Amino acid sequence: MTARVDHFTVRHDGVTIAVSRGGMGRPLVLCPGLLTTQADLRELTDLLRRDHDVVTFDLRGHGFSSAAGRYSFTAFLGDFRAVMAEVGRLGLPDPVLVGHSLGADLVVHYVSEYPGTVAEMVLIDGANPVPEPFVTEADLPEFRAMFDGLAAWTKGLEGTSRQVMLTAQEILDLNLEVDVVRSAILGRYRKIDCPISVIMSTSMAGDSGEGRAPWRNQNWREGIERLVRDQPHISASWLDAGHGLVVTRSREIARIIRDTQGRSGRTTP
């Protein structure tokens, strides 16, 4: 039987955030990453709903949430706080928080600000204290071209559940800001007292052996190694996948979330 799904909105900072809730079991809040919508995460969400009462939503400027005048990290974090406030009003017990990419960074910042309010965290390919920033001055032309292509591609999704309304420049600016956020994120982890699991991709920058991709993938791995050295209770799992693993490896991710809840301190190669 298909689980009933309720749809509602949360309003914050002039933005209408599209939220859905469905499933049974432990409460779980799923925070998408940049350029990812509820529609993109439908398979993962449906799998999680087998074991959880899942609340998820579209980021501002994504999917059925409205456009916004700004797309800063602070703005996205404010929206996430508003969604979590609504979760509190629903009377749900302390939830599991799951975040992908930018969503993982939002989860870490939220929990560091509100200790004792969540059961545990699962971070998917984000919130990584990488040793070096990903977007340097020399990388800007490459990233500008990549985000121009992404923005052109999303034009074809306008008016659909998968639409993304950010411009190429807004995407680039946010990525530059996230690099700065991650340079200080270890301090956030040190304030968190609940169990944490991370699920990471081995090829977040793609599997090409040319250009900067190998270095970016190594930088990604070194960031998690740094995190686990600093916080040895964190459980880390790696999937042979790219950054879109929430779509391409949704079944494995759902299984890891189900199997590792409440456990910590184990790193799998």
C-alpha atoms as a PDB file:
ATOM      1  CA  MET A   1       0.000   0.000   0.000  1.00  0.00           C
ATOM      2  CA  THR A   2       1.298   3.492  -0.869  1.00  0.00           C
ATOM      3  CA  ALA A   3       1.871   5.651   2.190  1.00  0.00           C
ATOM      4  CA  ARG A   4      -0.303   8.732   2.477  1.00  0.00           C
ATOM      5  CA  VAL A   5       1.640  11.921   1.809  1.00  0.00           C
ATOM      6  CA  ASP A   6       0.505  15.315   3.109  1.00  0.00           C
ATOM      7  CA  HIS A   7       1.629  18.501   1.373  1.00  0.00           C
ATOM      8  CA  PHE A   8       1.770  21.898   3.038  1.00  0.00           C
ATOM      9  CA  THR A   9       3.810  25.105   2.987  1.00  0.00           C
ATOM     10  CA  VAL A  10       6.016  26.982   5.419  1.00  0.00           C
ATOM     11  CA  ARG A  11       6.493  30.719   4.920  1.00  0.00           C
ATOM     12  CA  HIS A  12       9.763  32.408   5.852  1.00  0.00           C
ATOM     13  CA  ASP A  13      11.621  35.517   4.718  1.00  0.00           C
ATOM     14  CA  GLY A  14       9.103  36.171   1.955  1.00  0.00           C
ATOM     15  CA  VAL A  15       9.547  32.635   0.581  1.00  0.00           C
ATOM     16  CA  THR A  16       6.934  29.884   0.417  1.00  0.00           C
ATOM     17  CA  ILE A  17       8.613  26.529   1.127  1.00  0.00           C
ATOM     18  CA  ALA A  18       6.888  23.424  -0.243  1.00  0.00           C
ATOM     19  CA  VAL A  19       6.935  20.617   2.346  1.00  0.00           C
ATOM     20  CA  SER A  20       5.688  17.028   2.292  1.00  0.00           C
ATOM     21  CA  ARG A  21       5.207  14.436   5.032  1.00  0.00           C
ATOM     22  CA  GLY A  22       4.541  10.712   4.756  1.00  0.00           C
ATOM     23  CA  GLY A  23       5.435   7.291   6.117  1.00  0.00           C
ATOM     24  CA  MET A  24       5.455   5.681   9.549  1.00  0.00           C
ATOM     25  CA  GLY A  25       8.116   5.143  12.196  1.00  0.00           C
ATOM     26  CA  ARG A  26      10.832   7.316  13.663  1.00  0.00           C
ATOM     27  CA  PRO A  27      10.588  10.931  12.488  1.00  0.00           C
ATOM     28  CA  LEU A  28      13.163  11.855   9.839  1.00  0.00           C
ATOM     29  CA  VAL A  29      13.768  15.196   8.127  1.00  0.00           C
ATOM     30  CA  LEU A  30      15.424  15.003   4.699  1.00  0.00           C
ATOM     31  CA  CYS A  31      17.177  18.187   3.540  1.00  0.00           C
ATOM     32  CA  PRO A  32      17.984  18.280  -0.206  1.00  0.00           C
ATOM     33  CA  GLY A  33      21.157  19.664  -1.706  1.00  0.00           C
ATOM     34  CA  LEU A  34      21.629  22.508  -4.146  1.00  0.00           C
ATOM     35  CA  LEU A  35      20.016  21.892  -7.571  1.00  0.00           C
ATOM     36  CA  THR A  36      18.067  18.932  -6.127  1.00  0.00           C
ATOM     37  CA  THR A  37      14.311  18.833  -5.582  1.00  0.00           C
ATOM     38  CA  GLN A  38      11.804  16.595  -3.837  1.00  0.00           C
ATOM     39  CA  ALA A  39      10.990  15.144  -7.256  1.00  0.00           C
ATOM     40  CA  ASP A  40      14.636  14.182  -7.784  1.00  0.00           C
ATOM     41  CA  LEU A  41      14.689  12.482  -4.375  1.00  0.00           C
ATOM     42  CA  ARG A  42      11.406  10.629  -4.762  1.00  0.00           C
ATOM     43  CA  GLU A  43      12.938   7.126  -4.808  1.00  0.00           C
ATOM     44  CA  LEU A  44      15.084   7.748  -1.727  1.00  0.00           C
ATOM     45  CA  THR A  45      12.189   9.416   0.079  1.00  0.00           C
ATOM     46  CA  ASP A  46       9.826   6.519  -0.673  1.00  0.00           C
ATOM     47  CA  LEU A  47      12.405   4.021   0.599  1.00  0.00           C
ATOM     48  CA  LEU A  48      12.923   5.991   3.812  1.00  0.00           C
ATOM     49  CA  ARG A  49       9.165   6.188   4.370  1.00  0.00           C
ATOM     50  CA  ARG A  50       9.094   2.406   4.889  1.00  0.00           C
ATOM     51  CA  ASP A  51      10.788   2.918   8.263  1.00  0.00           C
ATOM     52  CA  HIS A  52      10.251   6.606   9.030  1.00  0.00           C
ATOM     53  CA  ASP A  53       7.748   9.409   9.230  1.00  0.00           C
ATOM     54  CA  VAL A  54       9.582  11.533   6.642  1.00  0.00           C
ATOM     55  CA  VAL A  55       9.372  15.307   6.302  1.00  0.00           C
ATOM     56  CA  THR A  56      11.119  16.774   3.274  1.00  0.00           C
ATOM     57  CA  PHE A  57      10.918  19.996   1.282  1.00  0.00           C
ATOM     58  CA  ASP A  58      12.155  22.015  -1.667  1.00  0.00           C
ATOM     59  CA  LEU A  59      14.845  24.609  -1.069  1.00  0.00           C
ATOM     60  CA  ARG A  60      14.009  28.210  -1.993  1.00  0.00           C
ATOM     61  CA  GLY A  61      14.132  28.610  -5.758  1.00  0.00           C
ATOM     62  CA  HIS A  62      13.748  24.848  -6.271  1.00  0.00           C
ATOM     63  CA  GLY A  63      10.799  22.665  -7.209  1.00  0.00           C
ATOM     64  CA  PHE A  64       7.507  23.971  -5.843  1.00  0.00           C
ATOM     65  CA  SER A  65       9.100  26.443  -3.410  1.00  0.00           C
ATOM     66  CA  SER A  66       9.027  30.048  -4.544  1.00  0.00           C
ATOM     67  CA  ALA A  67      11.875  32.108  -5.928  1.00  0.00           C
ATOM     68  CA  ALA A  68      13.779  34.443  -3.631  1.00  0.00           C
ATOM     69  CA  GLY A  69      15.728  37.671  -3.794  1.00  0.00           C
ATOM     70  CA  ARG A  70      18.836  36.050  -2.332  1.00  0.00           C
ATOM     71  CA  TYR A  71      20.353  32.586  -2.251  1.00  0.00           C
ATOM     72  CA  SER A  72      23.012  32.871   0.428  1.00  0.00           C
ATOM     73  CA  PHE A  73      23.949  30.125   2.857  1.00  0.00           C
ATOM     74  CA  THR A  74      22.406  32.185   5.653  1.00  0.00           C
ATOM     75  CA  ALA A  75      19.126  32.423   3.723  1.00  0.00           C
ATOM     76  CA  PHE A  76      18.958  28.667   3.144  1.00  0.00           C
ATOM     77  CA  LEU A  77      19.792  28.045   6.806  1.00  0.00           C
ATOM     78  CA  GLY A  78      16.988  30.372   7.881  1.00  0.00           C
ATOM     79  CA  ASP A  79      14.542  28.406   5.738  1.00  0.00           C
ATOM     80  CA  PHE A  80      15.727  25.149   7.293  1.00  0.00           C
ATOM     81  CA  ARG A  81      15.201  26.585  10.768  1.00  0.00           C
ATOM     82  CA  ALA A  82      11.648  27.507   9.731  1.00  0.00           C
ATOM     83  CA  VAL A  83      10.981  23.949   8.502  1.00  0.00           C
ATOM     84  CA  MET A  84      12.351  22.532  11.757  1.00  0.00           C
ATOM     85  CA  ALA A  85      10.141  24.904  13.745  1.00  0.00           C
ATOM     86  CA  GLU A  86       7.151  23.491  11.865  1.00  0.00           C
ATOM     87  CA  VAL A  87       8.355  19.949  12.654  1.00  0.00           C
ATOM     88  CA  GLY A  88       8.315  20.984  16.321  1.00  0.00           C
ATOM     89  CA  ARG A  89       4.777  22.312  16.005  1.00  0.00           C
ATOM     90  CA  LEU A  90       3.702  18.971  14.554  1.00  0.00           C
ATOM     91  CA  GLY A  91       4.617  17.432  17.905  1.00  0.00           C
ATOM     92  CA  LEU A  92       7.135  14.964  16.490  1.00  0.00           C
ATOM     93  CA  PRO A  93       9.785  13.579  18.865  1.00  0.00           C
ATOM     94  CA  ASP A  94      13.456  14.364  18.195  1.00  0.00           C
ATOM     95  CA  PRO A  95      13.985  13.422  14.534  1.00  0.00           C
ATOM     96  CA  VAL A  96      16.814  11.909  12.544  1.00  0.00           C
ATOM     97  CA  LEU A  97      18.210  14.607  10.238  1.00  0.00           C
ATOM     98  CA  VAL A  98      19.484  13.563   6.801  1.00  0.00           C
ATOM     99  CA  GLY A  99      21.128  16.102   4.500  1.00  0.00           C
ATOM    100  CA  HIS A 100      22.753  15.847   1.083  1.00  0.00           C
ATOM    101  CA  SER A 101      25.495  18.201  -0.150  1.00  0.00           C
ATOM    102  CA  LEU A 102      24.472  21.749   0.851  1.00  0.00           C
ATOM    103  CA  GLY A 103      21.720  20.107   2.902  1.00  0.00           C
ATOM    104  CA  ALA A 104      24.360  18.325   4.989  1.00  0.00           C
ATOM    105  CA  ASP A 105      26.016  21.660   5.789  1.00  0.00           C
ATOM    106  CA  LEU A 106      22.656  23.112   6.793  1.00  0.00           C
ATOM    107  CA  VAL A 107      22.028  20.141   9.098  1.00  0.00           C
ATOM    108  CA  VAL A 108      25.435  20.505  10.807  1.00  0.00           C
ATOM    109  CA  HIS A 109      24.924  24.219  11.383  1.00  0.00           C
ATOM    110  CA  TYR A 110      21.394  23.713  12.685  1.00  0.00           C
ATOM    111  CA  VAL A 111      22.312  20.956  15.144  1.00  0.00           C
ATOM    112  CA  SER A 112      25.337  22.900  16.412  1.00  0.00           C
ATOM    113  CA  GLU A 113      22.942  25.760  17.233  1.00  0.00           C
ATOM    114  CA  TYR A 114      20.211  23.587  18.784  1.00  0.00           C
ATOM    115  CA  PRO A 115      21.935  20.816  20.757  1.00  0.00           C
ATOM    116  CA  GLY A 116      19.786  18.092  22.244  1.00  0.00           C
ATOM    117  CA  THR A 117      16.961  18.537  19.726  1.00  0.00           C
ATOM    118  CA  VAL A 118      17.681  15.707  17.265  1.00  0.00           C
ATOM    119  CA  ALA A 119      18.162  11.947  17.659  1.00  0.00           C
ATOM    120  CA  GLU A 120      21.012  11.613  15.170  1.00  0.00           C
ATOM    121  CA  MET A 121      22.402  12.899  11.876  1.00  0.00           C
ATOM    122  CA  VAL A 122      23.202  11.298   8.523  1.00  0.00           C
ATOM    123  CA  LEU A 123      25.265  13.466   6.170  1.00  0.00           C
ATOM    124  CA  ILE A 124      25.463  12.512   2.493  1.00  0.00           C
ATOM    125  CA  ASP A 125      28.371  13.908   0.469  1.00  0.00           C
ATOM    126  CA  GLY A 126      28.496  17.284   2.148  1.00  0.00           C
ATOM    127  CA  ALA A 127      29.608  19.210   5.243  1.00  0.00           C
ATOM    128  CA  ASN A 128      33.162  18.078   4.473  1.00  0.00           C
ATOM    129  CA  PRO A 129      36.049  19.927   6.196  1.00  0.00           C
ATOM    130  CA  VAL A 130      38.218  19.693   3.087  1.00  0.00           C
ATOM    131  CA  PRO A 131      41.861  20.764   3.541  1.00  0.00           C
ATOM    132  CA  GLU A 132      41.754  23.080   0.505  1.00  0.00           C
ATOM    133  CA  PRO A 133      38.909  25.092  -1.095  1.00  0.00           C
ATOM    134  CA  PHE A 134      37.421  23.584  -4.224  1.00  0.00           C
ATOM    135  CA  VAL A 135      36.965  26.787  -6.188  1.00  0.00           C
ATOM    136  CA  THR A 136      40.204  28.747  -6.488  1.00  0.00           C
ATOM    137  CA  GLU A 137      40.798  31.791  -8.677  1.00  0.00           C
ATOM    138  CA  ALA A 138      42.301  29.505 -11.325  1.00  0.00           C
ATOM    139  CA  ASP A 139      39.196  27.282 -11.248  1.00  0.00           C
ATOM    140  CA  LEU A 140      36.696  30.093 -11.839  1.00  0.00           C
ATOM    141  CA  PRO A 141      36.539  29.855 -15.661  1.00  0.00           C
ATOM    142  CA  GLU A 142      35.851  26.107 -15.476  1.00  0.00           C
ATOM    143  CA  PHE A 143      33.130  26.488 -12.839  1.00  0.00           C
ATOM    144  CA  ARG A 144      31.541  29.458 -14.619  1.00  0.00           C
ATOM    145  CA  ALA A 145      31.261  27.394 -17.797  1.00  0.00           C
ATOM    146  CA  MET A 146      29.863  24.403 -15.877  1.00  0.00           C
ATOM    147  CA  PHE A 147      27.238  26.483 -14.073  1.00  0.00           C
ATOM    148  CA  ASP A 148      26.296  28.288 -17.299  1.00  0.00           C
ATOM    149  CA  GLY A 149      25.570  24.857 -18.742  1.00  0.00           C
ATOM    150  CA  LEU A 150      23.552  23.831 -15.691  1.00  0.00           C
ATOM    151  CA  ALA A 151      21.494  27.016 -15.776  1.00  0.00           C
ATOM    152  CA  ALA A 152      20.783  26.522 -19.483  1.00  0.00           C
ATOM    153  CA  TRP A 153      19.737  22.912 -18.828  1.00  0.00           C
ATOM    154  CA  THR A 154      17.367  23.889 -16.016  1.00  0.00           C
ATOM    155  CA  LYS A 155      15.583  26.305 -18.360  1.00  0.00           C
ATOM    156  CA  GLY A 156      13.888  23.251 -19.840  1.00  0.00           C
ATOM    157  CA  LEU A 157      12.493  22.349 -16.389  1.00  0.00           C
ATOM    158  CA  GLU A 158      10.679  25.646 -15.748  1.00  0.00           C
ATOM    159  CA  GLY A 159       7.192  25.144 -14.332  1.00  0.00           C
ATOM    160  CA  THR A 160       7.839  21.528 -13.339  1.00  0.00           C
ATOM    161  CA  SER A 161       8.489  19.835  -9.993  1.00  0.00           C
ATOM    162  CA  ARG A 162      12.206  19.748 -10.871  1.00  0.00           C
ATOM    163  CA  GLN A 163      12.690  23.391 -11.726  1.00  0.00           C
ATOM    164  CA  VAL A 164      15.659  25.374 -10.348  1.00  0.00           C
ATOM    165  CA  MET A 165      15.368  29.166 -10.538  1.00  0.00           C
ATOM    166  CA  LEU A 166      18.923  30.170  -9.587  1.00  0.00           C
ATOM    167  CA  THR A 167      21.132  31.828 -12.190  1.00  0.00           C
ATOM    168  CA  ALA A 168      24.601  30.549 -13.024  1.00  0.00           C
ATOM    169  CA  GLN A 169      26.147  33.444 -11.070  1.00  0.00           C
ATOM    170  CA  GLU A 170      24.001  32.701  -8.022  1.00  0.00           C
ATOM    171  CA  ILE A 171      25.076  29.047  -8.117  1.00  0.00           C
ATOM    172  CA  LEU A 172      28.739  30.040  -8.373  1.00  0.00           C
ATOM    173  CA  ASP A 173      28.462  32.603  -5.566  1.00  0.00           C
ATOM    174  CA  LEU A 174      26.862  30.024  -3.286  1.00  0.00           C
ATOM    175  CA  ASN A 175      29.581  27.481  -4.023  1.00  0.00           C
ATOM    176  CA  LEU A 176      32.238  30.058  -3.163  1.00  0.00           C
ATOM    177  CA  GLU A 177      30.402  30.795   0.079  1.00  0.00           C
ATOM    178  CA  VAL A 178      30.129  27.089   0.944  1.00  0.00           C
ATOM    179  CA  ASP A 179      33.915  26.768   0.542  1.00  0.00           C
ATOM    180  CA  VAL A 180      34.290  29.409   3.261  1.00  0.00           C
ATOM    181  CA  VAL A 181      31.652  27.743   5.446  1.00  0.00           C
ATOM    182  CA  ARG A 182      33.443  24.393   5.220  1.00  0.00           C
ATOM    183  CA  SER A 183      36.780  25.942   6.177  1.00  0.00           C
ATOM    184  CA  ALA A 184      35.350  26.430   9.675  1.00  0.00           C
ATOM    185  CA  ILE A 185      32.913  23.519   9.924  1.00  0.00           C
ATOM    186  CA  LEU A 186      35.068  21.380  12.232  1.00  0.00           C
ATOM    187  CA  GLY A 187      34.233  23.826  15.001  1.00  0.00           C
ATOM    188  CA  ARG A 188      30.547  23.145  14.375  1.00  0.00           C
ATOM    189  CA  TYR A 189      31.037  19.379  14.640  1.00  0.00           C
ATOM    190  CA  ARG A 190      32.716  19.854  18.019  1.00  0.00           C
ATOM    191  CA  LYS A 191      29.502  21.347  19.423  1.00  0.00           C
ATOM    192  CA  ILE A 192      27.328  18.372  18.418  1.00  0.00           C
ATOM    193  CA  ASP A 193      26.489  15.646  20.938  1.00  0.00           C
ATOM    194  CA  CYS A 194      24.309  13.244  18.913  1.00  0.00           C
ATOM    195  CA  PRO A 195      25.436  10.247  16.800  1.00  0.00           C
ATOM    196  CA  ILE A 196      26.680  11.174  13.313  1.00  0.00           C
ATOM    197  CA  SER A 197      27.058   9.008  10.216  1.00  0.00           C
ATOM    198  CA  VAL A 198      28.469  10.200   6.905  1.00  0.00           C
ATOM    199  CA  ILE A 199      27.917   8.573   3.512  1.00  0.00           C
ATOM    200  CA  MET A 200      30.387   9.807   0.927  1.00  0.00           C
ATOM    201  CA  SER A 201      31.046   9.349  -2.792  1.00  0.00           C
ATOM    202  CA  THR A 202      34.433   8.177  -4.013  1.00  0.00           C
ATOM    203  CA  SER A 203      34.173  10.328  -7.159  1.00  0.00           C
ATOM    204  CA  MET A 204      32.356  13.488  -6.165  1.00  0.00           C
ATOM    205  CA  ALA A 205      34.186  15.357  -8.960  1.00  0.00           C
ATOM    206  CA  GLY A 206      33.628  12.588 -11.515  1.00  0.00           C
ATOM    207  CA  ASP A 207      35.774   9.634 -12.477  1.00  0.00           C
ATOM    208  CA  SER A 208      37.981  11.349 -15.063  1.00  0.00           C
ATOM    209  CA  GLY A 209      41.693  10.874 -14.629  1.00  0.00           C
ATOM    210  CA  GLU A 210      42.382  14.232 -16.265  1.00  0.00           C
ATOM    211  CA  GLY A 211      42.447  17.851 -15.162  1.00  0.00           C
ATOM    212  CA  ARG A 212      41.575  18.725 -11.587  1.00  0.00           C
ATOM    213  CA  ALA A 213      39.136  15.847 -10.992  1.00  0.00           C
ATOM    214  CA  PRO A 214      41.663  13.467  -9.339  1.00  0.00           C
ATOM    215  CA  TRP A 215      42.862  16.222  -7.007  1.00  0.00           C
ATOM    216  CA  ARG A 216      39.287  17.203  -6.104  1.00  0.00           C
ATOM    217  CA  ASN A 217      38.387  13.609  -5.291  1.00  0.00           C
ATOM    218  CA  GLN A 218      41.509  13.245  -3.151  1.00  0.00           C
ATOM    219  CA  ASN A 219      40.757  16.528  -1.381  1.00  0.00           C
ATOM    220  CA  TRP A 220      37.250  15.185  -0.665  1.00  0.00           C
ATOM    221  CA  ARG A 221      38.598  11.970   0.864  1.00  0.00           C
ATOM    222  CA  GLU A 222      41.208  13.838   2.902  1.00  0.00           C
ATOM    223  CA  GLY A 223      38.488  16.054   4.322  1.00  0.00           C
ATOM    224  CA  ILE A 224      36.585  13.075   5.727  1.00  0.00           C
ATOM    225  CA  GLU A 225      39.789  11.504   7.018  1.00  0.00           C
ATOM    226  CA  ARG A 226      40.447  14.789   8.799  1.00  0.00           C
ATOM    227  CA  LEU A 227      36.915  14.787  10.224  1.00  0.00           C
ATOM    228  CA  VAL A 228      37.133  11.239  11.578  1.00  0.00           C
ATOM    229  CA  ARG A 229      40.539  11.918  13.151  1.00  0.00           C
ATOM    230  CA  ASP A 230      39.058  14.923  14.932  1.00  0.00           C
ATOM    231  CA  GLN A 231      35.745  13.214  15.765  1.00  0.00           C
ATOM    232  CA  PRO A 232      36.485   9.451  15.957  1.00  0.00           C
ATOM    233  CA  HIS A 233      32.923   8.601  17.009  1.00  0.00           C
ATOM    234  CA  ILE A 234      31.677   9.485  13.510  1.00  0.00           C
ATOM    235  CA  SER A 235      30.805   6.497  11.299  1.00  0.00           C
ATOM    236  CA  ALA A 236      31.882   6.929   7.658  1.00  0.00           C
ATOM    237  CA  SER A 237      30.777   4.845   4.670  1.00  0.00           C
ATOM    238  CA  TRP A 238      31.959   5.263   1.074  1.00  0.00           C
ATOM    239  CA  LEU A 239      30.009   4.453  -2.075  1.00  0.00           C
ATOM    240  CA  ASP A 240      31.607   3.985  -5.490  1.00  0.00           C
ATOM    241  CA  ALA A 241      29.586   6.811  -7.033  1.00  0.00           C
ATOM    242  CA  GLY A 242      29.536  10.477  -7.971  1.00  0.00           C
ATOM    243  CA  HIS A 243      27.952  13.426  -6.182  1.00  0.00           C
ATOM    244  CA  GLY A 244      24.515  12.429  -7.478  1.00  0.00           C
ATOM    245  CA  LEU A 245      24.549   9.292  -5.309  1.00  0.00           C
ATOM    246  CA  VAL A 246      21.254  10.262  -3.670  1.00  0.00           C
ATOM    247  CA  VAL A 247      19.666   9.464  -7.031  1.00  0.00           C
ATOM    248  CA  THR A 248      21.954   6.778  -8.450  1.00  0.00           C
ATOM    249  CA  ARG A 249      22.505   4.823  -5.217  1.00  0.00           C
ATOM    250  CA  SER A 250      19.308   5.526  -3.295  1.00  0.00           C
ATOM    251  CA  ARG A 251      18.753   1.897  -2.270  1.00  0.00           C
ATOM    252  CA  GLU A 252      22.228   1.558  -0.780  1.00  0.00           C
ATOM    253  CA  ILE A 253      21.814   4.860   1.045  1.00  0.00           C
ATOM    254  CA  ALA A 254      18.456   3.825   2.511  1.00  0.00           C
ATOM    255  CA  ARG A 255      19.984   0.522   3.648  1.00  0.00           C
ATOM    256  CA  ILE A 256      22.953   2.261   5.297  1.00  0.00           C
ATOM    257  CA  ILE A 257      20.621   4.666   7.092  1.00  0.00           C
ATOM    258  CA  ARG A 258      18.506   1.749   8.322  1.00  0.00           C
ATOM    259  CA  ASP A 259      21.490  -0.390   9.359  1.00  0.00           C
ATOM    260  CA  THR A 260      23.663   2.255  11.013  1.00  0.00           C
ATOM    261  CA  GLN A 261      21.145   4.176  13.089  1.00  0.00           C
ATOM    262  CA  GLY A 262      22.332   4.444  16.655  1.00  0.00           C
ATOM    263  CA  ARG A 263      25.829   3.170  15.824  1.00  0.00           C
ATOM    264  CA  SER A 264      28.983   5.261  15.684  1.00  0.00           C
ATOM    265  CA  GLY A 265      32.721   5.035  15.535  1.00  0.00           C
ATOM    266  CA  ARG A 266      33.109   2.698  12.535  1.00  0.00           C
ATOM    267  CA  THR A 267      34.718   3.648   9.254  1.00  0.00           C
ATOM    268  CA  THR A 268      34.245   1.410   6.227  1.00  0.00           C
ATOM    269  CA  PRO A 269      36.635   1.732   3.277  1.00  0.00           C
END
